[in-house]
PDB file of all heavy atoms in Angstrom:
ATOM      1  N   TYR A   1      21.477  26.738  -4.989  1.00  0.00           N
ATOM      2  CA  TYR A   1      20.111  26.225  -4.995  1.00  0.00           C
ATOM      3  C   TYR A   1      19.268  27.091  -4.076  1.00  0.00           C
ATOM      4  O   TYR A   1      19.639  27.341  -2.931  1.00  0.00           O
ATOM      5  CB  TYR A   1      20.062  24.773  -4.529  1.00  0.00           C
ATOM      6  CG  TYR A   1      18.724  24.118  -4.824  1.00  0.00           C
ATOM      7  CD1 TYR A   1      18.489  23.554  -6.067  1.00  0.00           C
ATOM      8  CD2 TYR A   1      17.710  24.086  -3.875  1.00  0.00           C
ATOM      9  CE1 TYR A   1      17.263  22.965  -6.358  1.00  0.00           C
ATOM     10  CE2 TYR A   1      16.488  23.507  -4.159  1.00  0.00           C
ATOM     11  CZ  TYR A   1      16.269  22.951  -5.408  1.00  0.00           C
ATOM     12  OH  TYR A   1      15.052  22.378  -5.705  1.00  0.00           O
ATOM     13  N   SER A   2      18.137  27.548  -4.567  1.00  0.00           N
ATOM     14  CA  SER A   2      17.263  28.435  -3.808  1.00  0.00           C
ATOM     15  C   SER A   2      15.884  27.810  -3.698  1.00  0.00           C
ATOM     16  O   SER A   2      15.191  27.636  -4.694  1.00  0.00           O
ATOM     17  CB  SER A   2      17.177  29.806  -4.494  1.00  0.00           C
ATOM     18  OG  SER A   2      16.265  30.642  -3.828  1.00  0.00           O
ATOM     19  N   GLY A   3      15.501  27.447  -2.464  1.00  0.00           N
ATOM     20  CA  GLY A   3      14.209  26.833  -2.241  1.00  0.00           C
ATOM     21  C   GLY A   3      13.419  27.547  -1.174  1.00  0.00           C
ATOM     22  O   GLY A   3      13.794  28.619  -0.693  1.00  0.00           O
ATOM     23  N   CYS A   4      12.299  26.956  -0.778  1.00  0.00           N
ATOM     24  CA  CYS A   4      11.462  27.563   0.256  1.00  0.00           C
ATOM     25  C   CYS A   4      12.119  27.466   1.628  1.00  0.00           C
ATOM     26  O   CYS A   4      11.692  28.132   2.577  1.00  0.00           O
ATOM     27  CB  CYS A   4      10.083  26.906   0.275  1.00  0.00           C
ATOM     28  SG  CYS A   4      10.093  25.116   0.549  1.00  0.00           S
ATOM     29  N   GLU A   5      13.156  26.637   1.740  1.00  0.00           N
ATOM     30  CA  GLU A   5      13.961  26.512   2.951  1.00  0.00           C
ATOM     31  C   GLU A   5      15.431  26.487   2.553  1.00  0.00           C
ATOM     32  O   GLU A   5      15.766  26.387   1.373  1.00  0.00           O
ATOM     33  CB  GLU A   5      13.620  25.212   3.701  1.00  0.00           C
ATOM     34  CG  GLU A   5      12.184  25.115   4.189  1.00  0.00           C
ATOM     35  CD  GLU A   5      11.917  25.924   5.428  1.00  0.00           C
ATOM     36  OE1 GLU A   5      12.892  26.403   6.042  1.00  0.00           O
ATOM     37  OE2 GLU A   5      10.731  26.091   5.788  1.00  0.00           O
ATOM     38  N   GLU A   6      16.312  26.568   3.540  1.00  0.00           N
ATOM     39  CA  GLU A   6      17.751  26.436   3.284  1.00  0.00           C
ATOM     40  C   GLU A   6      18.078  24.953   3.225  1.00  0.00           C
ATOM     41  O   GLU A   6      18.464  24.338   4.214  1.00  0.00           O
ATOM     42  CB  GLU A   6      18.554  27.138   4.390  1.00  0.00           C
ATOM     43  CG  GLU A   6      18.468  28.651   4.351  1.00  0.00           C
ATOM     44  CD  GLU A   6      19.146  29.228   3.115  1.00  0.00           C
ATOM     45  OE1 GLU A   6      20.154  28.669   2.670  1.00  0.00           O
ATOM     46  OE2 GLU A   6      18.633  30.237   2.590  1.00  0.00           O
ATOM     47  N   PHE A   7      17.910  24.370   2.040  1.00  0.00           N
ATOM     48  CA  PHE A   7      18.129  22.940   1.889  1.00  0.00           C
ATOM     49  C   PHE A   7      19.616  22.620   1.769  1.00  0.00           C
ATOM     50  O   PHE A   7      20.397  23.409   1.248  1.00  0.00           O
ATOM     51  CB  PHE A   7      17.409  22.414   0.643  1.00  0.00           C
ATOM     52  CG  PHE A   7      15.916  22.542   0.713  1.00  0.00           C
ATOM     53  CD1 PHE A   7      15.215  23.261  -0.244  1.00  0.00           C
ATOM     54  CD2 PHE A   7      15.206  21.930   1.730  1.00  0.00           C
ATOM     55  CE1 PHE A   7      13.844  23.379  -0.195  1.00  0.00           C
ATOM     56  CE2 PHE A   7      13.818  22.038   1.793  1.00  0.00           C
ATOM     57  CZ  PHE A   7      13.140  22.765   0.835  1.00  0.00           C
ATOM     58  N   THR A   8      19.983  21.429   2.248  1.00  0.00           N
ATOM     59  CA  THR A   8      21.352  20.922   2.106  1.00  0.00           C
ATOM     60  C   THR A   8      21.269  19.522   1.514  1.00  0.00           C
ATOM     61  O   THR A   8      20.177  19.001   1.267  1.00  0.00           O
ATOM     62  CB  THR A   8      22.066  20.859   3.472  1.00  0.00           C
ATOM     63  OG1 THR A   8      21.371  19.922   4.322  1.00  0.00           O
ATOM     64  CG2 THR A   8      22.092  22.232   4.142  1.00  0.00           C
ATOM     65  N   ALA A   9      22.434  18.923   1.291  1.00  0.00           N
ATOM     66  CA  ALA A   9      22.475  17.570   0.730  1.00  0.00           C
ATOM     67  C   ALA A   9      22.254  16.522   1.820  1.00  0.00           C
ATOM     68  O   ALA A   9      22.952  15.512   1.911  1.00  0.00           O
ATOM     69  CB  ALA A   9      23.801  17.334   0.021  1.00  0.00           C
ATOM     70  N   ASP A  10      21.272  16.772   2.674  1.00  0.00           N
ATOM     71  CA  ASP A  10      20.842  15.822   3.701  1.00  0.00           C
ATOM     72  C   ASP A  10      19.383  15.496   3.403  1.00  0.00           C
ATOM     73  O   ASP A  10      18.486  16.286   3.670  1.00  0.00           O
ATOM     74  CB  ASP A  10      20.984  16.440   5.096  1.00  0.00           C
ATOM     75  CG  ASP A  10      20.625  15.462   6.206  1.00  0.00           C
ATOM     76  OD1 ASP A  10      19.719  14.631   5.992  1.00  0.00           O
ATOM     77  OD2 ASP A  10      21.230  15.532   7.288  1.00  0.00           O
ATOM     78  N   ILE A  11      19.160  14.332   2.837  1.00  0.00           N
ATOM     79  CA  ILE A  11      17.841  14.023   2.300  1.00  0.00           C
ATOM     80  C   ILE A  11      16.762  13.938   3.381  1.00  0.00           C
ATOM     81  O   ILE A  11      15.620  14.380   3.180  1.00  0.00           O
ATOM     82  CB  ILE A  11      17.908  12.714   1.465  1.00  0.00           C
ATOM     83  CG1 ILE A  11      16.659  12.596   0.599  1.00  0.00           C
ATOM     84  CG2 ILE A  11      18.106  11.493   2.339  1.00  0.00           C
ATOM     85  CD1 ILE A  11      16.784  11.567  -0.502  1.00  0.00           C
ATOM     86  N   LYS A  12      17.092  13.415   4.566  1.00  0.00           N
ATOM     87  CA  LYS A  12      16.107  13.316   5.641  1.00  0.00           C
ATOM     88  C   LYS A  12      15.753  14.690   6.194  1.00  0.00           C
ATOM     89  O   LYS A  12      14.586  14.984   6.482  1.00  0.00           O
ATOM     90  CB  LYS A  12      16.641  12.414   6.767  1.00  0.00           C
ATOM     91  CG  LYS A  12      16.647  10.936   6.407  1.00  0.00           C
ATOM     92  CD  LYS A  12      15.225  10.436   6.125  1.00  0.00           C
ATOM     93  CE  LYS A  12      15.194   8.958   5.789  1.00  0.00           C
ATOM     94  NZ  LYS A  12      13.813   8.498   5.453  1.00  0.00           N
ATOM     95  N   ASP A  13      16.768  15.540   6.338  1.00  0.00           N
ATOM     96  CA  ASP A  13      16.521  16.906   6.800  1.00  0.00           C
ATOM     97  C   ASP A  13      15.659  17.671   5.794  1.00  0.00           C
ATOM     98  O   ASP A  13      14.745  18.418   6.170  1.00  0.00           O
ATOM     99  CB  ASP A  13      17.849  17.630   7.017  1.00  0.00           C
ATOM    100  CG  ASP A  13      17.656  19.048   7.539  1.00  0.00           C
ATOM    101  OD1 ASP A  13      17.066  19.209   8.621  1.00  0.00           O
ATOM    102  OD2 ASP A  13      18.083  19.993   6.852  1.00  0.00           O
ATOM    103  N   THR A  14      15.952  17.462   4.513  1.00  0.00           N
ATOM    104  CA  THR A  14      15.169  18.115   3.461  1.00  0.00           C
ATOM    105  C   THR A  14      13.726  17.644   3.486  1.00  0.00           C
ATOM    106  O   THR A  14      12.793  18.436   3.321  1.00  0.00           O
ATOM    107  CB  THR A  14      15.793  17.830   2.073  1.00  0.00           C
ATOM    108  OG1 THR A  14      17.096  18.409   2.026  1.00  0.00           O
ATOM    109  CG2 THR A  14      14.953  18.415   0.957  1.00  0.00           C
ATOM    110  N   GLU A  15      13.523  16.360   3.712  1.00  0.00           N
ATOM    111  CA  GLU A  15      12.166  15.817   3.774  1.00  0.00           C
ATOM    112  C   GLU A  15      11.367  16.465   4.906  1.00  0.00           C
ATOM    113  O   GLU A  15      10.197  16.842   4.729  1.00  0.00           O
ATOM    114  CB  GLU A  15      12.237  14.303   3.974  1.00  0.00           C
ATOM    115  CG  GLU A  15      10.890  13.610   3.917  1.00  0.00           C
ATOM    116  CD  GLU A  15      11.014  12.105   4.124  1.00  0.00           C
ATOM    117  OE1 GLU A  15      11.936  11.498   3.547  1.00  0.00           O
ATOM    118  OE2 GLU A  15      10.177  11.553   4.875  1.00  0.00           O
ATOM    119  N   LYS A  16      12.003  16.624   6.068  1.00  0.00           N
ATOM    120  CA  LYS A  16      11.328  17.258   7.209  1.00  0.00           C
ATOM    121  C   LYS A  16      10.983  18.716   6.909  1.00  0.00           C
ATOM    122  O   LYS A  16       9.883  19.188   7.223  1.00  0.00           O
ATOM    123  CB  LYS A  16      12.222  17.177   8.449  1.00  0.00           C
ATOM    124  CG  LYS A  16      12.400  15.783   9.009  1.00  0.00           C
ATOM    125  CD  LYS A  16      13.358  15.794  10.195  1.00  0.00           C
ATOM    126  CE  LYS A  16      13.590  14.382  10.723  1.00  0.00           C
ATOM    127  NZ  LYS A  16      14.582  14.375  11.848  1.00  0.00           N
ATOM    128  N   LYS A  17      11.930  19.427   6.297  1.00  0.00           N
ATOM    129  CA  LYS A  17      11.688  20.834   5.976  1.00  0.00           C
ATOM    130  C   LYS A  17      10.587  21.001   4.937  1.00  0.00           C
ATOM    131  O   LYS A  17       9.775  21.926   5.019  1.00  0.00           O
ATOM    132  CB  LYS A  17      12.986  21.479   5.490  1.00  0.00           C
ATOM    133  CG  LYS A  17      14.024  21.697   6.584  1.00  0.00           C
ATOM    134  CD  LYS A  17      15.299  22.316   6.022  1.00  0.00           C
ATOM    135  CE  LYS A  17      16.298  22.604   7.128  1.00  0.00           C
ATOM    136  NZ  LYS A  17      17.574  23.155   6.600  1.00  0.00           N
ATOM    137  N   LEU A  18      10.569  20.103   3.960  1.00  0.00           N
ATOM    138  CA  LEU A  18       9.527  20.168   2.941  1.00  0.00           C
ATOM    139  C   LEU A  18       8.152  19.886   3.539  1.00  0.00           C
ATOM    140  O   LEU A  18       7.162  20.580   3.225  1.00  0.00           O
ATOM    141  CB  LEU A  18       9.808  19.142   1.835  1.00  0.00           C
ATOM    142  CG  LEU A  18      10.490  19.623   0.560  1.00  0.00           C
ATOM    143  CD1 LEU A  18      10.568  18.492  -0.457  1.00  0.00           C
ATOM    144  CD2 LEU A  18       9.772  20.816  -0.052  1.00  0.00           C
ATOM    145  N   LEU A  19       8.077  18.875   4.391  1.00  0.00           N
ATOM    146  CA  LEU A  19       6.796  18.538   5.019  1.00  0.00           C
ATOM    147  C   LEU A  19       6.282  19.724   5.830  1.00  0.00           C
ATOM    148  O   LEU A  19       5.088  20.063   5.779  1.00  0.00           O
ATOM    149  CB  LEU A  19       6.953  17.302   5.904  1.00  0.00           C
ATOM    150  CG  LEU A  19       5.675  16.812   6.596  1.00  0.00           C
ATOM    151  CD1 LEU A  19       4.585  16.494   5.579  1.00  0.00           C
ATOM    152  CD2 LEU A  19       5.978  15.576   7.459  1.00  0.00           C
ATOM    153  N   LYS A  20       7.182  20.364   6.569  1.00  0.00           N
ATOM    154  CA  LYS A  20       6.803  21.549   7.347  1.00  0.00           C
ATOM    155  C   LYS A  20       6.320  22.668   6.422  1.00  0.00           C
ATOM    156  O   LYS A  20       5.331  23.349   6.710  1.00  0.00           O
ATOM    157  CB  LYS A  20       7.982  22.040   8.186  1.00  0.00           C
ATOM    158  CG  LYS A  20       7.656  23.240   9.077  1.00  0.00           C
ATOM    159  CD  LYS A  20       8.855  23.635   9.918  1.00  0.00           C
ATOM    160  CE  LYS A  20       8.495  24.773  10.869  1.00  0.00           C
ATOM    161  NZ  LYS A  20       8.037  25.987  10.173  1.00  0.00           N
ATOM    162  N   ALA A  21       7.012  22.862   5.298  1.00  0.00           N
ATOM    163  CA  ALA A  21       6.629  23.914   4.346  1.00  0.00           C
ATOM    164  C   ALA A  21       5.239  23.641   3.770  1.00  0.00           C
ATOM    165  O   ALA A  21       4.423  24.561   3.633  1.00  0.00           O
ATOM    166  CB  ALA A  21       7.655  23.998   3.228  1.00  0.00           C
ATOM    167  N   PHE A  22       4.946  22.380   3.437  1.00  0.00           N
ATOM    168  CA  PHE A  22       3.628  22.030   2.908  1.00  0.00           C
ATOM    169  C   PHE A  22       2.538  22.257   3.969  1.00  0.00           C
ATOM    170  O   PHE A  22       1.456  22.776   3.661  1.00  0.00           O
ATOM    171  CB  PHE A  22       3.595  20.573   2.436  1.00  0.00           C
ATOM    172  CG  PHE A  22       4.437  20.294   1.225  1.00  0.00           C
ATOM    173  CD1 PHE A  22       5.157  19.103   1.106  1.00  0.00           C
ATOM    174  CD2 PHE A  22       4.511  21.213   0.189  1.00  0.00           C
ATOM    175  CE1 PHE A  22       5.926  18.842  -0.028  1.00  0.00           C
ATOM    176  CE2 PHE A  22       5.282  20.957  -0.940  1.00  0.00           C
ATOM    177  CZ  PHE A  22       5.994  19.777  -1.042  1.00  0.00           C
ATOM    178  N   ASN A  23       2.840  21.852   5.207  1.00  0.00           N
ATOM    179  CA  ASN A  23       1.861  22.031   6.284  1.00  0.00           C
ATOM    180  C   ASN A  23       1.635  23.512   6.588  1.00  0.00           C
ATOM    181  O   ASN A  23       0.496  23.946   6.792  1.00  0.00           O
ATOM    182  CB  ASN A  23       2.326  21.296   7.548  1.00  0.00           C
ATOM    183  CG  ASN A  23       2.273  19.781   7.397  1.00  0.00           C
ATOM    184  OD1 ASN A  23       1.514  19.256   6.583  1.00  0.00           O
ATOM    185  ND2 ASN A  23       3.095  19.079   8.162  1.00  0.00           N
ATOM    186  N   ASP A  24       2.718  24.284   6.609  1.00  0.00           N
ATOM    187  CA  ASP A  24       2.612  25.711   6.942  1.00  0.00           C
ATOM    188  C   ASP A  24       1.873  26.519   5.875  1.00  0.00           C
ATOM    189  O   ASP A  24       1.291  27.561   6.169  1.00  0.00           O
ATOM    190  CB  ASP A  24       4.001  26.321   7.153  1.00  0.00           C
ATOM    191  CG  ASP A  24       4.675  25.832   8.433  1.00  0.00           C
ATOM    192  OD1 ASP A  24       3.974  25.208   9.255  1.00  0.00           O
ATOM    193  OD2 ASP A  24       5.886  26.071   8.593  1.00  0.00           O
ATOM    194  N   SER A  25       1.941  26.047   4.630  1.00  0.00           N
ATOM    195  CA  SER A  25       1.310  26.797   3.535  1.00  0.00           C
ATOM    196  C   SER A  25      -0.132  26.358   3.292  1.00  0.00           C
ATOM    197  O   SER A  25      -0.733  26.721   2.280  1.00  0.00           O
ATOM    198  CB  SER A  25       2.124  26.625   2.244  1.00  0.00           C
ATOM    199  OG  SER A  25       2.128  25.267   1.824  1.00  0.00           O
ATOM    200  N   TYR A  26      -0.674  25.615   4.237  1.00  0.00           N
ATOM    201  CA  TYR A  26      -2.008  25.034   4.084  1.00  0.00           C
ATOM    202  C   TYR A  26      -3.066  26.072   3.692  1.00  0.00           C
ATOM    203  O   TYR A  26      -3.777  25.913   2.689  1.00  0.00           O
ATOM    204  CB  TYR A  26      -2.412  24.325   5.385  1.00  0.00           C
ATOM    205  CG  TYR A  26      -3.892  24.089   5.528  1.00  0.00           C
ATOM    206  CD1 TYR A  26      -4.530  23.095   4.802  1.00  0.00           C
ATOM    207  CD2 TYR A  26      -4.659  24.891   6.384  1.00  0.00           C
ATOM    208  CE1 TYR A  26      -5.894  22.883   4.921  1.00  0.00           C
ATOM    209  CE2 TYR A  26      -6.025  24.689   6.501  1.00  0.00           C
ATOM    210  CZ  TYR A  26      -6.636  23.691   5.775  1.00  0.00           C
ATOM    211  OH  TYR A  26      -7.979  23.495   5.885  1.00  0.00           O
ATOM    212  N   GLN A  27      -3.189  27.141   4.487  1.00  0.00           N
ATOM    213  CA  GLN A  27      -4.259  28.116   4.238  1.00  0.00           C
ATOM    214  C   GLN A  27      -4.113  28.800   2.883  1.00  0.00           C
ATOM    215  O   GLN A  27      -5.081  28.965   2.136  1.00  0.00           O
ATOM    216  CB  GLN A  27      -4.282  29.151   5.364  1.00  0.00           C
ATOM    217  CG  GLN A  27      -4.764  28.585   6.697  1.00  0.00           C
ATOM    218  CD  GLN A  27      -4.881  29.656   7.766  1.00  0.00           C
ATOM    219  OE1 GLN A  27      -4.245  30.701   7.688  1.00  0.00           O
ATOM    220  NE2 GLN A  27      -5.701  29.398   8.771  1.00  0.00           N
ATOM    221  N   THR A  28      -2.875  29.189   2.550  1.00  0.00           N
ATOM    222  CA  THR A  28      -2.620  29.834   1.261  1.00  0.00           C
ATOM    223  C   THR A  28      -2.933  28.883   0.113  1.00  0.00           C
ATOM    224  O   THR A  28      -3.541  29.277  -0.896  1.00  0.00           O
ATOM    225  CB  THR A  28      -1.160  30.286   1.168  1.00  0.00           C
ATOM    226  OG1 THR A  28      -0.885  31.218   2.210  1.00  0.00           O
ATOM    227  CG2 THR A  28      -0.870  30.941  -0.176  1.00  0.00           C
ATOM    228  N   ASP A  29      -2.529  27.632   0.260  1.00  0.00           N
ATOM    229  CA  ASP A  29      -2.725  26.664  -0.817  1.00  0.00           C
ATOM    230  C   ASP A  29      -4.202  26.345  -1.038  1.00  0.00           C
ATOM    231  O   ASP A  29      -4.660  26.200  -2.185  1.00  0.00           O
ATOM    232  CB  ASP A  29      -1.950  25.370  -0.514  1.00  0.00           C
ATOM    233  CG  ASP A  29      -0.449  25.551  -0.641  1.00  0.00           C
ATOM    234  OD1 ASP A  29      -0.019  26.656  -1.014  1.00  0.00           O
ATOM    235  OD2 ASP A  29       0.296  24.593  -0.366  1.00  0.00           O
ATOM    236  N   VAL A  30      -4.972  26.227   0.051  1.00  0.00           N
ATOM    237  CA  VAL A  30      -6.405  25.965  -0.085  1.00  0.00           C
ATOM    238  C   VAL A  30      -7.092  27.158  -0.733  1.00  0.00           C
ATOM    239  O   VAL A  30      -7.964  27.003  -1.604  1.00  0.00           O
ATOM    240  CB  VAL A  30      -7.034  25.660   1.295  1.00  0.00           C
ATOM    241  CG1 VAL A  30      -8.564  25.640   1.192  1.00  0.00           C
ATOM    242  CG2 VAL A  30      -6.539  24.324   1.819  1.00  0.00           C
ATOM    243  N   LEU A  31      -6.687  28.367  -0.335  1.00  0.00           N
ATOM    244  CA  LEU A  31      -7.282  29.573  -0.895  1.00  0.00           C
ATOM    245  C   LEU A  31      -7.013  29.688  -2.396  1.00  0.00           C
ATOM    246  O   LEU A  31      -7.907  30.013  -3.184  1.00  0.00           O
ATOM    247  CB  LEU A  31      -6.740  30.812  -0.163  1.00  0.00           C
ATOM    248  CG  LEU A  31      -7.305  32.161  -0.611  1.00  0.00           C
ATOM    249  CD1 LEU A  31      -8.805  32.233  -0.332  1.00  0.00           C
ATOM    250  CD2 LEU A  31      -6.577  33.300   0.094  1.00  0.00           C
ATOM    251  N   ASN A  32      -5.757  29.382  -2.792  1.00  0.00           N
ATOM    252  CA  ASN A  32      -5.357  29.499  -4.208  1.00  0.00           C
ATOM    253  C   ASN A  32      -5.555  28.214  -4.986  1.00  0.00           C
ATOM    254  O   ASN A  32      -5.363  28.178  -6.205  1.00  0.00           O
ATOM    255  CB  ASN A  32      -3.898  29.943  -4.306  1.00  0.00           C
ATOM    256  CG  ASN A  32      -3.681  31.341  -3.755  1.00  0.00           C
ATOM    257  OD1 ASN A  32      -4.525  32.210  -3.942  1.00  0.00           O
ATOM    258  ND2 ASN A  32      -2.565  31.555  -3.080  1.00  0.00           N
ATOM    259  N   ARG A  33      -5.860  27.125  -4.257  1.00  0.00           N
ATOM    260  CA  ARG A  33      -6.121  25.801  -4.845  1.00  0.00           C
ATOM    261  C   ARG A  33      -4.928  25.281  -5.659  1.00  0.00           C
ATOM    262  O   ARG A  33      -5.094  24.621  -6.684  1.00  0.00           O
ATOM    263  CB  ARG A  33      -7.380  25.857  -5.726  1.00  0.00           C
ATOM    264  CG  ARG A  33      -8.592  26.310  -4.960  1.00  0.00           C
ATOM    265  CD  ARG A  33      -9.812  26.401  -5.844  1.00  0.00           C
ATOM    266  NE  ARG A  33     -10.571  27.609  -5.545  1.00  0.00           N
ATOM    267  CZ  ARG A  33     -11.743  27.915  -6.094  1.00  0.00           C
ATOM    268  NH1 ARG A  33     -12.266  27.101  -6.992  1.00  0.00           N
ATOM    269  NH2 ARG A  33     -12.360  29.023  -5.777  1.00  0.00           N
ATOM    270  N   THR A  34      -3.749  25.574  -5.175  1.00  0.00           N
ATOM    271  CA  THR A  34      -2.524  25.068  -5.820  1.00  0.00           C
ATOM    272  C   THR A  34      -1.404  25.012  -4.793  1.00  0.00           C
ATOM    273  O   THR A  34      -1.452  25.681  -3.753  1.00  0.00           O
ATOM    274  CB  THR A  34      -2.124  25.967  -7.004  1.00  0.00           C
ATOM    275  OG1 THR A  34      -1.102  25.313  -7.758  1.00  0.00           O
ATOM    276  CG2 THR A  34      -1.609  27.319  -6.553  1.00  0.00           C
ATOM    277  N   THR A  35      -0.392  24.202  -5.065  1.00  0.00           N
ATOM    278  CA  THR A  35       0.730  24.011  -4.147  1.00  0.00           C
ATOM    279  C   THR A  35       1.780  25.091  -4.381  1.00  0.00           C
ATOM    280  O   THR A  35       2.375  25.152  -5.460  1.00  0.00           O
ATOM    281  CB  THR A  35       1.345  22.607  -4.340  1.00  0.00           C
ATOM    282  OG1 THR A  35       0.325  21.621  -4.139  1.00  0.00           O
ATOM    283  CG2 THR A  35       2.481  22.370  -3.361  1.00  0.00           C
ATOM    284  N   SER A  36       1.998  25.916  -3.372  1.00  0.00           N
ATOM    285  CA  SER A  36       2.843  27.109  -3.533  1.00  0.00           C
ATOM    286  C   SER A  36       4.310  26.866  -3.246  1.00  0.00           C
ATOM    287  O   SER A  36       5.150  27.707  -3.589  1.00  0.00           O
ATOM    288  CB  SER A  36       2.336  28.232  -2.627  1.00  0.00           C
ATOM    289  OG  SER A  36       2.378  27.834  -1.259  1.00  0.00           O
ATOM    290  N   LYS A  37       4.641  25.730  -2.620  1.00  0.00           N
ATOM    291  CA  LYS A  37       6.037  25.460  -2.269  1.00  0.00           C
ATOM    292  C   LYS A  37       6.435  24.058  -2.713  1.00  0.00           C
ATOM    293  O   LYS A  37       5.587  23.183  -2.886  1.00  0.00           O
ATOM    294  CB  LYS A  37       6.247  25.630  -0.763  1.00  0.00           C
ATOM    295  CG  LYS A  37       6.025  27.056  -0.277  1.00  0.00           C
ATOM    296  CD  LYS A  37       6.257  27.193   1.211  1.00  0.00           C
ATOM    297  CE  LYS A  37       6.053  28.635   1.657  1.00  0.00           C
ATOM    298  NZ  LYS A  37       6.257  28.808   3.116  1.00  0.00           N
ATOM    299  N   GLY A  38       7.741  23.877  -2.899  1.00  0.00           N
ATOM    300  CA  GLY A  38       8.238  22.573  -3.329  1.00  0.00           C
ATOM    301  C   GLY A  38       9.237  22.713  -4.457  1.00  0.00           C
ATOM    302  O   GLY A  38       9.465  23.818  -4.974  1.00  0.00           O
ATOM    303  N   PRO A  39       9.862  21.614  -4.877  1.00  0.00           N
ATOM    304  CA  PRO A  39      10.883  21.673  -5.935  1.00  0.00           C
ATOM    305  C   PRO A  39      10.370  22.182  -7.273  1.00  0.00           C
ATOM    306  O   PRO A  39      11.150  22.629  -8.106  1.00  0.00           O
ATOM    307  CB  PRO A  39      11.383  20.226  -6.041  1.00  0.00           C
ATOM    308  CG  PRO A  39      10.350  19.395  -5.351  1.00  0.00           C
ATOM    309  CD  PRO A  39       9.749  20.271  -4.303  1.00  0.00           C
TER     310      PRO A  39
END
C-alpha cells in the first residue's frame, strides 16, 4: 500500500497522519482548489 504517509493497520495512527497531511497541504490545495492527498 502506497499513500501520502507510511500507513499501517493502526486506524488511530492513520487518522492522525491523514489529518496532518490535509493540514500540511493547505496552501497547495487552496491554490489548485482540490484535495491533493488522501485515499
